[in-house]
PDB file of N, CA and C in Angstrom:
ATOM      1  N   MET A   1      -5.116 -38.341   3.635  1.00  0.00           N
ATOM      2  CA  MET A   1      -5.781 -37.111   4.031  1.00  0.00           C
ATOM      3  C   MET A   1      -4.771 -36.051   4.427  1.00  0.00           C
ATOM      4  N   GLY A   2      -3.641 -36.431   5.013  1.00  0.00           N
ATOM      5  CA  GLY A   2      -2.637 -35.478   5.459  1.00  0.00           C
ATOM      6  C   GLY A   2      -2.005 -34.714   4.318  1.00  0.00           C
ATOM      7  N   ALA A   3      -1.710 -35.395   3.211  1.00  0.00           N
ATOM      8  CA  ALA A   3      -1.085 -34.728   2.066  1.00  0.00           C
ATOM      9  C   ALA A   3      -2.059 -33.776   1.391  1.00  0.00           C
ATOM     10  N   ALA A   4      -3.319 -34.169   1.333  1.00  0.00           N
ATOM     11  CA  ALA A   4      -4.332 -33.303   0.719  1.00  0.00           C
ATOM     12  C   ALA A   4      -4.545 -32.051   1.561  1.00  0.00           C
ATOM     13  N   ALA A   5      -4.558 -32.207   2.885  1.00  0.00           N
ATOM     14  CA  ALA A   5      -4.732 -31.054   3.773  1.00  0.00           C
ATOM     15  C   ALA A   5      -3.532 -30.114   3.675  1.00  0.00           C
ATOM     16  N   ALA A   6      -2.340 -30.690   3.588  1.00  0.00           N
ATOM     17  CA  ALA A   6      -1.143 -29.855   3.450  1.00  0.00           C
ATOM     18  C   ALA A   6      -1.162 -29.080   2.145  1.00  0.00           C
ATOM     19  N   THR A   7      -1.653 -29.720   1.080  1.00  0.00           N
ATOM     20  CA  THR A   7      -1.743 -29.045  -0.215  1.00  0.00           C
ATOM     21  C   THR A   7      -2.731 -27.883  -0.151  1.00  0.00           C
ATOM     22  N   VAL A   8      -3.855 -28.099   0.522  1.00  0.00           N
ATOM     23  CA  VAL A   8      -4.857 -27.035   0.659  1.00  0.00           C
ATOM     24  C   VAL A   8      -4.293 -25.878   1.478  1.00  0.00           C
ATOM     25  N   VAL A   9      -3.584 -26.184   2.558  1.00  0.00           N
ATOM     26  CA  VAL A   9      -2.998 -25.141   3.402  1.00  0.00           C
ATOM     27  C   VAL A   9      -1.944 -24.359   2.627  1.00  0.00           C
ATOM     28  N   MET A  10      -1.090 -25.053   1.898  1.00  0.00           N
ATOM     29  CA  MET A  10      -0.049 -24.369   1.118  1.00  0.00           C
ATOM     30  C   MET A  10      -0.662 -23.499   0.026  1.00  0.00           C
ATOM     31  N   ASP A  11      -1.762 -23.975  -0.575  1.00  0.00           N
ATOM     32  CA  ASP A  11      -2.435 -23.174  -1.593  1.00  0.00           C
ATOM     33  C   ASP A  11      -3.035 -21.918  -0.965  1.00  0.00           C
ATOM     34  N   ALA A  12      -3.618 -22.057   0.227  1.00  0.00           N
ATOM     35  CA  ALA A  12      -4.184 -20.894   0.915  1.00  0.00           C
ATOM     36  C   ALA A  12      -3.087 -19.897   1.294  1.00  0.00           C
ATOM     37  N   VAL A  13      -1.956 -20.402   1.753  1.00  0.00           N
ATOM     38  CA  VAL A  13      -0.830 -19.533   2.112  1.00  0.00           C
ATOM     39  C   VAL A  13      -0.308 -18.808   0.878  1.00  0.00           C
ATOM     40  N   ASN A  14      -0.179 -19.532  -0.210  1.00  0.00           N
ATOM     41  CA  ASN A  14       0.301 -18.929  -1.458  1.00  0.00           C
ATOM     42  C   ASN A  14      -0.679 -17.855  -1.941  1.00  0.00           C
ATOM     43  N   SER A  15      -1.973 -18.123  -1.821  1.00  0.00           N
ATOM     44  CA  SER A  15      -2.977 -17.132  -2.213  1.00  0.00           C
ATOM     45  C   SER A  15      -2.923 -15.895  -1.321  1.00  0.00           C
ATOM     46  N   ALA A  16      -2.726 -16.095  -0.023  1.00  0.00           N
ATOM     47  CA  ALA A  16      -2.634 -14.958   0.900  1.00  0.00           C
ATOM     48  C   ALA A  16      -1.404 -14.111   0.599  1.00  0.00           C
ATOM     49  N   GLN A  17      -0.277 -14.758   0.346  1.00  0.00           N
ATOM     50  CA  GLN A  17       0.940 -14.011   0.007  1.00  0.00           C
ATOM     51  C   GLN A  17       0.754 -13.234  -1.292  1.00  0.00           C
ATOM     52  N   HIS A  18       0.138 -13.863  -2.270  1.00  0.00           N
ATOM     53  CA  HIS A  18      -0.079 -13.181  -3.553  1.00  0.00           C
ATOM     54  C   HIS A  18      -1.014 -11.983  -3.367  1.00  0.00           C
ATOM     55  N   PHE A  19      -2.057 -12.150  -2.550  1.00  0.00           N
ATOM     56  CA  PHE A  19      -2.978 -11.049  -2.291  1.00  0.00           C
ATOM     57  C   PHE A  19      -2.259  -9.879  -1.629  1.00  0.00           C
ATOM     58  N   VAL A  20      -1.462 -10.162  -0.619  1.00  0.00           N
ATOM     59  CA  VAL A  20      -0.726  -9.101   0.088  1.00  0.00           C
ATOM     60  C   VAL A  20       0.232  -8.398  -0.868  1.00  0.00           C
ATOM     61  N   ASP A  21       0.937  -9.161  -1.685  1.00  0.00           N
ATOM     62  CA  ASP A  21       1.881  -8.572  -2.636  1.00  0.00           C
ATOM     63  C   ASP A  21       1.184  -7.657  -3.635  1.00  0.00           C
ATOM     64  N   VAL A  22       0.100  -8.142  -4.226  1.00  0.00           N
ATOM     65  CA  VAL A  22      -0.614  -7.341  -5.229  1.00  0.00           C
ATOM     66  C   VAL A  22      -1.249  -6.114  -4.589  1.00  0.00           C
ATOM     67  N   PHE A  23      -1.844  -6.266  -3.405  1.00  0.00           N
ATOM     68  CA  PHE A  23      -2.467  -5.134  -2.732  1.00  0.00           C
ATOM     69  C   PHE A  23      -1.453  -4.033  -2.455  1.00  0.00           C
ATOM     70  N   ILE A  24      -0.291  -4.408  -1.950  1.00  0.00           N
ATOM     71  CA  ILE A  24       0.712  -3.406  -1.600  1.00  0.00           C
ATOM     72  C   ILE A  24       1.283  -2.740  -2.838  1.00  0.00           C
ATOM     73  N   ILE A  25       1.481  -3.485  -3.899  1.00  0.00           N
ATOM     74  CA  ILE A  25       1.992  -2.892  -5.140  1.00  0.00           C
ATOM     75  C   ILE A  25       0.971  -1.912  -5.716  1.00  0.00           C
ATOM     76  N   VAL A  26      -0.297  -2.311  -5.765  1.00  0.00           N
ATOM     77  CA  VAL A  26      -1.342  -1.431  -6.317  1.00  0.00           C
ATOM     78  C   VAL A  26      -1.511  -0.187  -5.452  1.00  0.00           C
ATOM     79  N   TYR A  27      -1.521  -0.353  -4.134  1.00  0.00           N
ATOM     80  CA  TYR A  27      -1.688   0.809  -3.255  1.00  0.00           C
ATOM     81  C   TYR A  27      -0.481   1.754  -3.345  1.00  0.00           C
ATOM     82  N   SER A  28       0.704   1.199  -3.499  1.00  0.00           N
ATOM     83  CA  SER A  28       1.896   2.036  -3.681  1.00  0.00           C
ATOM     84  C   SER A  28       1.801   2.832  -4.974  1.00  0.00           C
ATOM     85  N   LEU A  29       1.313   2.195  -6.025  1.00  0.00           N
ATOM     86  CA  LEU A  29       1.136   2.910  -7.296  1.00  0.00           C
ATOM     87  C   LEU A  29       0.071   3.998  -7.182  1.00  0.00           C
ATOM     88  N   LEU A  30      -0.979   3.742  -6.423  1.00  0.00           N
ATOM     89  CA  LEU A  30      -1.999   4.772  -6.208  1.00  0.00           C
ATOM     90  C   LEU A  30      -1.432   5.958  -5.437  1.00  0.00           C
ATOM     91  N   ILE A  31      -0.615   5.701  -4.434  1.00  0.00           N
ATOM     92  CA  ILE A  31       0.026   6.795  -3.693  1.00  0.00           C
ATOM     93  C   ILE A  31       0.947   7.581  -4.613  1.00  0.00           C
ATOM     94  N   PHE A  32       1.711   6.873  -5.436  1.00  0.00           N
ATOM     95  CA  PHE A  32       2.598   7.546  -6.380  1.00  0.00           C
ATOM     96  C   PHE A  32       1.797   8.405  -7.354  1.00  0.00           C
ATOM     97  N   ALA A  33       0.681   7.882  -7.875  1.00  0.00           N
ATOM     98  CA  ALA A  33      -0.168   8.655  -8.785  1.00  0.00           C
ATOM     99  C   ALA A  33      -0.776   9.862  -8.073  1.00  0.00           C
ATOM    100  N   TYR A  34      -1.125   9.710  -6.806  1.00  0.00           N
ATOM    101  CA  TYR A  34      -1.671  10.820  -6.025  1.00  0.00           C
ATOM    102  C   TYR A  34      -0.645  11.935  -5.869  1.00  0.00           C
ATOM    103  N   VAL A  35       0.595  11.568  -5.597  1.00  0.00           N
ATOM    104  CA  VAL A  35       1.659  12.562  -5.441  1.00  0.00           C
ATOM    105  C   VAL A  35       1.890  13.287  -6.767  1.00  0.00           C
ATOM    106  N   ILE A  36       1.986  12.538  -7.851  1.00  0.00           N
ATOM    107  CA  ILE A  36       2.203  13.159  -9.171  1.00  0.00           C
ATOM    108  C   ILE A  36       1.029  14.065  -9.537  1.00  0.00           C
ATOM    109  N   ALA A  37      -0.197  13.606  -9.283  1.00  0.00           N
ATOM    110  CA  ALA A  37      -1.375  14.416  -9.617  1.00  0.00           C
ATOM    111  C   ALA A  37      -1.452  15.675  -8.771  1.00  0.00           C
ATOM    112  N   SER A  38      -0.889  15.645  -7.572  1.00  0.00           N
ATOM    113  CA  SER A  38      -0.937  16.835  -6.728  1.00  0.00           C
ATOM    114  C   SER A  38       0.033  17.921  -7.194  1.00  0.00           C
ATOM    115  N   TRP A  39       0.973  17.571  -8.024  1.00  0.00           N
ATOM    116  CA  TRP A  39       1.932  18.553  -8.526  1.00  0.00           C
ATOM    117  C   TRP A  39       1.370  19.404  -9.658  1.00  0.00           C
ATOM    118  N   PHE A  40       0.364  18.897 -10.352  1.00  0.00           N
ATOM    119  CA  PHE A  40      -0.160  19.561 -11.539  1.00  0.00           C
ATOM    120  C   PHE A  40      -1.632  19.883 -11.360  1.00  0.00           C
ATOM    121  N   ARG A  41      -2.041  20.903 -12.059  1.00  0.00           N
ATOM    122  CA  ARG A  41      -3.464  21.230 -12.099  1.00  0.00           C
ATOM    123  C   ARG A  41      -4.059  20.452 -13.267  1.00  0.00           C
ATOM    124  N   LEU A  42      -4.882  19.483 -12.928  1.00  0.00           N
ATOM    125  CA  LEU A  42      -5.457  18.608 -13.946  1.00  0.00           C
ATOM    126  C   LEU A  42      -6.686  19.263 -14.565  1.00  0.00           C
ATOM    127  N   PRO A  43      -6.988  18.914 -15.811  1.00  0.00           N
ATOM    128  CA  PRO A  43      -8.201  19.446 -16.427  1.00  0.00           C
ATOM    129  C   PRO A  43      -9.451  18.991 -15.674  1.00  0.00           C
ATOM    130  N   TYR A  44     -10.526  19.703 -15.896  1.00  0.00           N
ATOM    131  CA  TYR A  44     -11.770  19.416 -15.185  1.00  0.00           C
ATOM    132  C   TYR A  44     -12.263  17.992 -15.442  1.00  0.00           C
ATOM    133  N   SER A  45     -11.991  17.472 -16.627  1.00  0.00           N
ATOM    134  CA  SER A  45     -12.453  16.120 -16.958  1.00  0.00           C
ATOM    135  C   SER A  45     -11.758  15.056 -16.109  1.00  0.00           C
ATOM    136  N   LEU A  46     -10.584  15.351 -15.561  1.00  0.00           N
ATOM    137  CA  LEU A  46      -9.861  14.402 -14.712  1.00  0.00           C
ATOM    138  C   LEU A  46     -10.037  14.689 -13.230  1.00  0.00           C
ATOM    139  N   ASN A  47     -10.951  15.585 -12.909  1.00  0.00           N
ATOM    140  CA  ASN A  47     -11.193  15.938 -11.515  1.00  0.00           C
ATOM    141  C   ASN A  47     -11.671  14.732 -10.705  1.00  0.00           C
ATOM    142  N   ARG A  48     -12.463  13.864 -11.327  1.00  0.00           N
ATOM    143  CA  ARG A  48     -12.942  12.665 -10.630  1.00  0.00           C
ATOM    144  C   ARG A  48     -11.797  11.727 -10.283  1.00  0.00           C
ATOM    145  N   VAL A  49     -10.839  11.626 -11.169  1.00  0.00           N
ATOM    146  CA  VAL A  49      -9.677  10.767 -10.910  1.00  0.00           C
ATOM    147  C   VAL A  49      -8.884  11.317  -9.738  1.00  0.00           C
ATOM    148  N   GLN A  50      -8.655  12.618  -9.738  1.00  0.00           N
ATOM    149  CA  GLN A  50      -7.913  13.233  -8.651  1.00  0.00           C
ATOM    150  C   GLN A  50      -8.675  13.099  -7.330  1.00  0.00           C
ATOM    151  N   ARG A  51      -9.979  13.228  -7.361  1.00  0.00           N
ATOM    152  CA  ARG A  51     -10.784  13.078  -6.149  1.00  0.00           C
ATOM    153  C   ARG A  51     -10.734  11.635  -5.635  1.00  0.00           C
ATOM    154  N   PHE A  52     -10.769  10.659  -6.565  1.00  0.00           N
ATOM    155  CA  PHE A  52     -10.650   9.253  -6.181  1.00  0.00           C
ATOM    156  C   PHE A  52      -9.306   9.000  -5.496  1.00  0.00           C
ATOM    157  N   LEU A  53      -8.232   9.503  -6.087  1.00  0.00           N
ATOM    158  CA  LEU A  53      -6.903   9.317  -5.495  1.00  0.00           C
ATOM    159  C   LEU A  53      -6.833   9.964  -4.113  1.00  0.00           C
ATOM    160  N   TYR A  54      -7.433  11.124  -3.968  1.00  0.00           N
ATOM    161  CA  TYR A  54      -7.459  11.802  -2.670  1.00  0.00           C
ATOM    162  C   TYR A  54      -8.211  10.959  -1.647  1.00  0.00           C
ATOM    163  N   ASP A  55      -9.394  10.472  -2.016  1.00  0.00           N
ATOM    164  CA  ASP A  55     -10.211   9.692  -1.091  1.00  0.00           C
ATOM    165  C   ASP A  55      -9.550   8.379  -0.688  1.00  0.00           C
ATOM    166  N   VAL A  56      -8.777   7.796  -1.586  1.00  0.00           N
ATOM    167  CA  VAL A  56      -8.151   6.505  -1.304  1.00  0.00           C
ATOM    168  C   VAL A  56      -6.850   6.679  -0.518  1.00  0.00           C
ATOM    169  N   CYS A  57      -6.054   7.663  -0.860  1.00  0.00           N
ATOM    170  CA  CYS A  57      -4.705   7.786  -0.296  1.00  0.00           C
ATOM    171  C   CYS A  57      -4.615   8.683   0.928  1.00  0.00           C
ATOM    172  N   GLU A  58      -5.419   9.702   0.995  1.00  0.00           N
ATOM    173  CA  GLU A  58      -5.269  10.704   2.048  1.00  0.00           C
ATOM    174  C   GLU A  58      -5.460  10.161   3.465  1.00  0.00           C
ATOM    175  N   PRO A  59      -6.434   9.292   3.737  1.00  0.00           N
ATOM    176  CA  PRO A  59      -6.552   8.788   5.122  1.00  0.00           C
ATOM    177  C   PRO A  59      -5.298   8.052   5.591  1.00  0.00           C
ATOM    178  N   TYR A  60      -4.683   7.281   4.723  1.00  0.00           N
ATOM    179  CA  TYR A  60      -3.463   6.553   5.096  1.00  0.00           C
ATOM    180  C   TYR A  60      -2.287   7.511   5.256  1.00  0.00           C
ATOM    181  N   LEU A  61      -2.157   8.473   4.351  1.00  0.00           N
ATOM    182  CA  LEU A  61      -1.052   9.429   4.441  1.00  0.00           C
ATOM    183  C   LEU A  61      -1.196  10.347   5.646  1.00  0.00           C
ATOM    184  N   ARG A  62      -2.422  10.626   6.031  1.00  0.00           N
ATOM    185  CA  ARG A  62      -2.666  11.502   7.181  1.00  0.00           C
ATOM    186  C   ARG A  62      -2.093  10.910   8.473  1.00  0.00           C
ATOM    187  N   LEU A  63      -2.073   9.581   8.565  1.00  0.00           N
ATOM    188  CA  LEU A  63      -1.470   8.936   9.734  1.00  0.00           C
ATOM    189  C   LEU A  63      -0.008   9.338   9.886  1.00  0.00           C
ATOM    190  N   PHE A  64       0.708   9.384   8.795  1.00  0.00           N
ATOM    191  CA  PHE A  64       2.136   9.696   8.828  1.00  0.00           C
ATOM    192  C   PHE A  64       2.381  11.200   8.919  1.00  0.00           C
ATOM    193  N   ARG A  65       1.471  12.005   8.402  1.00  0.00           N
ATOM    194  CA  ARG A  65       1.621  13.461   8.527  1.00  0.00           C
ATOM    195  C   ARG A  65       1.500  13.907   9.977  1.00  0.00           C
ATOM    196  N   ARG A  66       0.735  13.155  10.766  1.00  0.00           N
ATOM    197  CA  ARG A  66       0.632  13.471  12.196  1.00  0.00           C
ATOM    198  C   ARG A  66       1.923  13.159  12.930  1.00  0.00           C
ATOM    199  N   LEU A  67       2.645  12.139  12.478  1.00  0.00           N
ATOM    200  CA  LEU A  67       3.851  11.704  13.164  1.00  0.00           C
ATOM    201  C   LEU A  67       5.104  12.467  12.741  1.00  0.00           C
ATOM    202  N   LEU A  68       5.171  12.827  11.464  1.00  0.00           N
ATOM    203  CA  LEU A  68       6.369  13.489  10.941  1.00  0.00           C
ATOM    204  C   LEU A  68       6.301  14.990  11.168  1.00  0.00           C
ATOM    205  N   PRO A  69       7.415  15.602  11.541  1.00  0.00           N
ATOM    206  CA  PRO A  69       7.413  17.063  11.687  1.00  0.00           C
ATOM    207  C   PRO A  69       7.373  17.725  10.304  1.00  0.00           C
ATOM    208  N   PRO A  70       6.743  18.878  10.199  1.00  0.00           N
ATOM    209  CA  PRO A  70       6.696  19.570   8.913  1.00  0.00           C
ATOM    210  C   PRO A  70       8.082  20.072   8.512  1.00  0.00           C
ATOM    211  N   LEU A  71       8.423  19.898   7.257  1.00  0.00           N
ATOM    212  CA  LEU A  71       9.715  20.340   6.721  1.00  0.00           C
ATOM    213  C   LEU A  71       9.513  21.389   5.636  1.00  0.00           C
ATOM    214  N   GLY A  72       8.647  22.334   5.889  1.00  0.00           N
ATOM    215  CA  GLY A  72       8.365  23.360   4.898  1.00  0.00           C
ATOM    216  C   GLY A  72       7.518  22.780   3.778  1.00  0.00           C
ATOM    217  N   PRO A  73       7.919  23.023   2.531  1.00  0.00           N
ATOM    218  CA  PRO A  73       7.103  22.529   1.417  1.00  0.00           C
ATOM    219  C   PRO A  73       7.328  21.045   1.098  1.00  0.00           C
ATOM    220  N   VAL A  74       8.260  20.403   1.777  1.00  0.00           N
ATOM    221  CA  VAL A  74       8.576  19.005   1.501  1.00  0.00           C
ATOM    222  C   VAL A  74       7.704  18.106   2.371  1.00  0.00           C
ATOM    223  N   ASP A  75       7.008  17.174   1.725  1.00  0.00           N
ATOM    224  CA  ASP A  75       6.160  16.225   2.431  1.00  0.00           C
ATOM    225  C   ASP A  75       6.768  14.831   2.293  1.00  0.00           C
ATOM    226  N   LEU A  76       7.274  14.310   3.387  1.00  0.00           N
ATOM    227  CA  LEU A  76       7.916  12.997   3.370  1.00  0.00           C
ATOM    228  C   LEU A  76       6.950  11.862   3.673  1.00  0.00           C
ATOM    229  N   SER A  77       5.700  12.183   3.964  1.00  0.00           N
ATOM    230  CA  SER A  77       4.756  11.140   4.357  1.00  0.00           C
ATOM    231  C   SER A  77       4.522  10.083   3.274  1.00  0.00           C
ATOM    232  N   PRO A  78       4.482  10.411   1.972  1.00  0.00           N
ATOM    233  CA  PRO A  78       4.315   9.336   0.982  1.00  0.00           C
ATOM    234  C   PRO A  78       5.478   8.340   0.977  1.00  0.00           C
ATOM    235  N   MET A  79       6.697   8.833   1.151  1.00  0.00           N
ATOM    236  CA  MET A  79       7.844   7.916   1.172  1.00  0.00           C
ATOM    237  C   MET A  79       7.800   7.015   2.391  1.00  0.00           C
ATOM    238  N   VAL A  80       7.477   7.581   3.541  1.00  0.00           N
ATOM    239  CA  VAL A  80       7.400   6.786   4.761  1.00  0.00           C
ATOM    240  C   VAL A  80       6.231   5.810   4.679  1.00  0.00           C
ATOM    241  N   ALA A  81       5.122   6.241   4.086  1.00  0.00           N
ATOM    242  CA  ALA A  81       3.953   5.372   3.950  1.00  0.00           C
ATOM    243  C   ALA A  81       4.248   4.179   3.048  1.00  0.00           C
ATOM    244  N   ILE A  82       4.893   4.418   1.931  1.00  0.00           N
ATOM    245  CA  ILE A  82       5.234   3.313   1.023  1.00  0.00           C
ATOM    246  C   ILE A  82       6.268   2.406   1.676  1.00  0.00           C
ATOM    247  N   GLY A  83       7.231   2.991   2.356  1.00  0.00           N
ATOM    248  CA  GLY A  83       8.212   2.173   3.073  1.00  0.00           C
ATOM    249  C   GLY A  83       7.566   1.298   4.127  1.00  0.00           C
ATOM    250  N   SER A  84       6.592   1.836   4.837  1.00  0.00           N
ATOM    251  CA  SER A  84       5.912   1.034   5.855  1.00  0.00           C
ATOM    252  C   SER A  84       5.062  -0.062   5.222  1.00  0.00           C
ATOM    253  N   LEU A  85       4.503   0.203   4.034  1.00  0.00           N
ATOM    254  CA  LEU A  85       3.770  -0.852   3.327  1.00  0.00           C
ATOM    255  C   LEU A  85       4.681  -2.026   2.993  1.00  0.00           C
ATOM    256  N   TYR A  86       5.875  -1.722   2.508  1.00  0.00           N
ATOM    257  CA  TYR A  86       6.794  -2.801   2.169  1.00  0.00           C
ATOM    258  C   TYR A  86       7.346  -3.484   3.417  1.00  0.00           C
ATOM    259  N   LEU A  87       7.446  -2.766   4.517  1.00  0.00           N
ATOM    260  CA  LEU A  87       7.823  -3.398   5.780  1.00  0.00           C
ATOM    261  C   LEU A  87       6.730  -4.357   6.249  1.00  0.00           C
ATOM    262  N   ILE A  88       5.484  -3.931   6.128  1.00  0.00           N
ATOM    263  CA  ILE A  88       4.355  -4.794   6.480  1.00  0.00           C
ATOM    264  C   ILE A  88       4.333  -6.026   5.579  1.00  0.00           C
ATOM    265  N   ARG A  89       4.608  -5.825   4.306  1.00  0.00           N
ATOM    266  CA  ARG A  89       4.666  -6.960   3.367  1.00  0.00           C
ATOM    267  C   ARG A  89       5.730  -7.957   3.807  1.00  0.00           C
ATOM    268  N   TRP A  90       6.891  -7.448   4.154  1.00  0.00           N
ATOM    269  CA  TRP A  90       7.991  -8.315   4.574  1.00  0.00           C
ATOM    270  C   TRP A  90       7.628  -9.061   5.856  1.00  0.00           C
ATOM    271  N   LEU A  91       7.010  -8.349   6.812  1.00  0.00           N
ATOM    272  CA  LEU A  91       6.619  -8.983   8.068  1.00  0.00           C
ATOM    273  C   LEU A  91       5.531 -10.034   7.868  1.00  0.00           C
ATOM    274  N   VAL A  92       4.508  -9.699   7.090  1.00  0.00           N
ATOM    275  CA  VAL A  92       3.411 -10.651   6.870  1.00  0.00           C
ATOM    276  C   VAL A  92       3.916 -11.897   6.155  1.00  0.00           C
ATOM    277  N   ASN A  93       4.701 -11.721   5.113  1.00  0.00           N
ATOM    278  CA  ASN A  93       5.220 -12.879   4.401  1.00  0.00           C
ATOM    279  C   ASN A  93       6.153 -13.697   5.287  1.00  0.00           C
ATOM    280  N   GLY A  94       6.926 -13.049   6.135  1.00  0.00           N
ATOM    281  CA  GLY A  94       7.797 -13.772   7.053  1.00  0.00           C
ATOM    282  C   GLY A  94       7.012 -14.542   8.094  1.00  0.00           C
ATOM    283  N   VAL A  95       5.956 -13.950   8.625  1.00  0.00           N
ATOM    284  CA  VAL A  95       5.140 -14.626   9.621  1.00  0.00           C
ATOM    285  C   VAL A  95       4.421 -15.810   8.994  1.00  0.00           C
ATOM    286  N   ILE A  96       3.908 -15.629   7.783  1.00  0.00           N
ATOM    287  CA  ILE A  96       3.207 -16.731   7.114  1.00  0.00           C
ATOM    288  C   ILE A  96       4.169 -17.885   6.839  1.00  0.00           C
ATOM    289  N   LEU A  97       5.352 -17.569   6.371  1.00  0.00           N
ATOM    290  CA  LEU A  97       6.309 -18.642   6.065  1.00  0.00           C
ATOM    291  C   LEU A  97       6.842 -19.300   7.322  1.00  0.00           C
ATOM    292  N   ASP A  98       7.013 -18.553   8.404  1.00  0.00           N
ATOM    293  CA  ASP A  98       7.523 -19.114   9.653  1.00  0.00           C
ATOM    294  C   ASP A  98       6.516 -20.057  10.309  1.00  0.00           C
ATOM    295  N   ARG A  99       5.248 -19.840  10.071  1.00  0.00           N
ATOM    296  CA  ARG A  99       4.210 -20.666  10.694  1.00  0.00           C
ATOM    297  C   ARG A  99       4.102 -22.050  10.051  1.00  0.00           C
ATOM    298  N   LEU A 100       4.700 -22.230   8.895  1.00  0.00           N
ATOM    299  CA  LEU A 100       4.602 -23.540   8.212  1.00  0.00           C
ATOM    300  C   LEU A 100       5.715 -24.458   8.575  1.00  0.00           C
TER     301      LEU A 100
END
């Protein structure tokens, strides 16, 4: 029973790590797409895509815009947000591995 339980726990840990990795990669790509889309005026047919990116990314980026001082036209919040995502990934994976 001990070996079977250990296998189940390791499988759950592996699944959790994979979920965190994929989530952070996808969310980082969405932030990157949001930044690129904000540079250009998209056609009306892509307005829904731009609105989706705004609705998904803006609440998270707003957290960092409150903390960072304004630097004129330069917005550093996407870089800090993506960096913090990868820091969270590193911490979560480290905590999960340390607990085993």
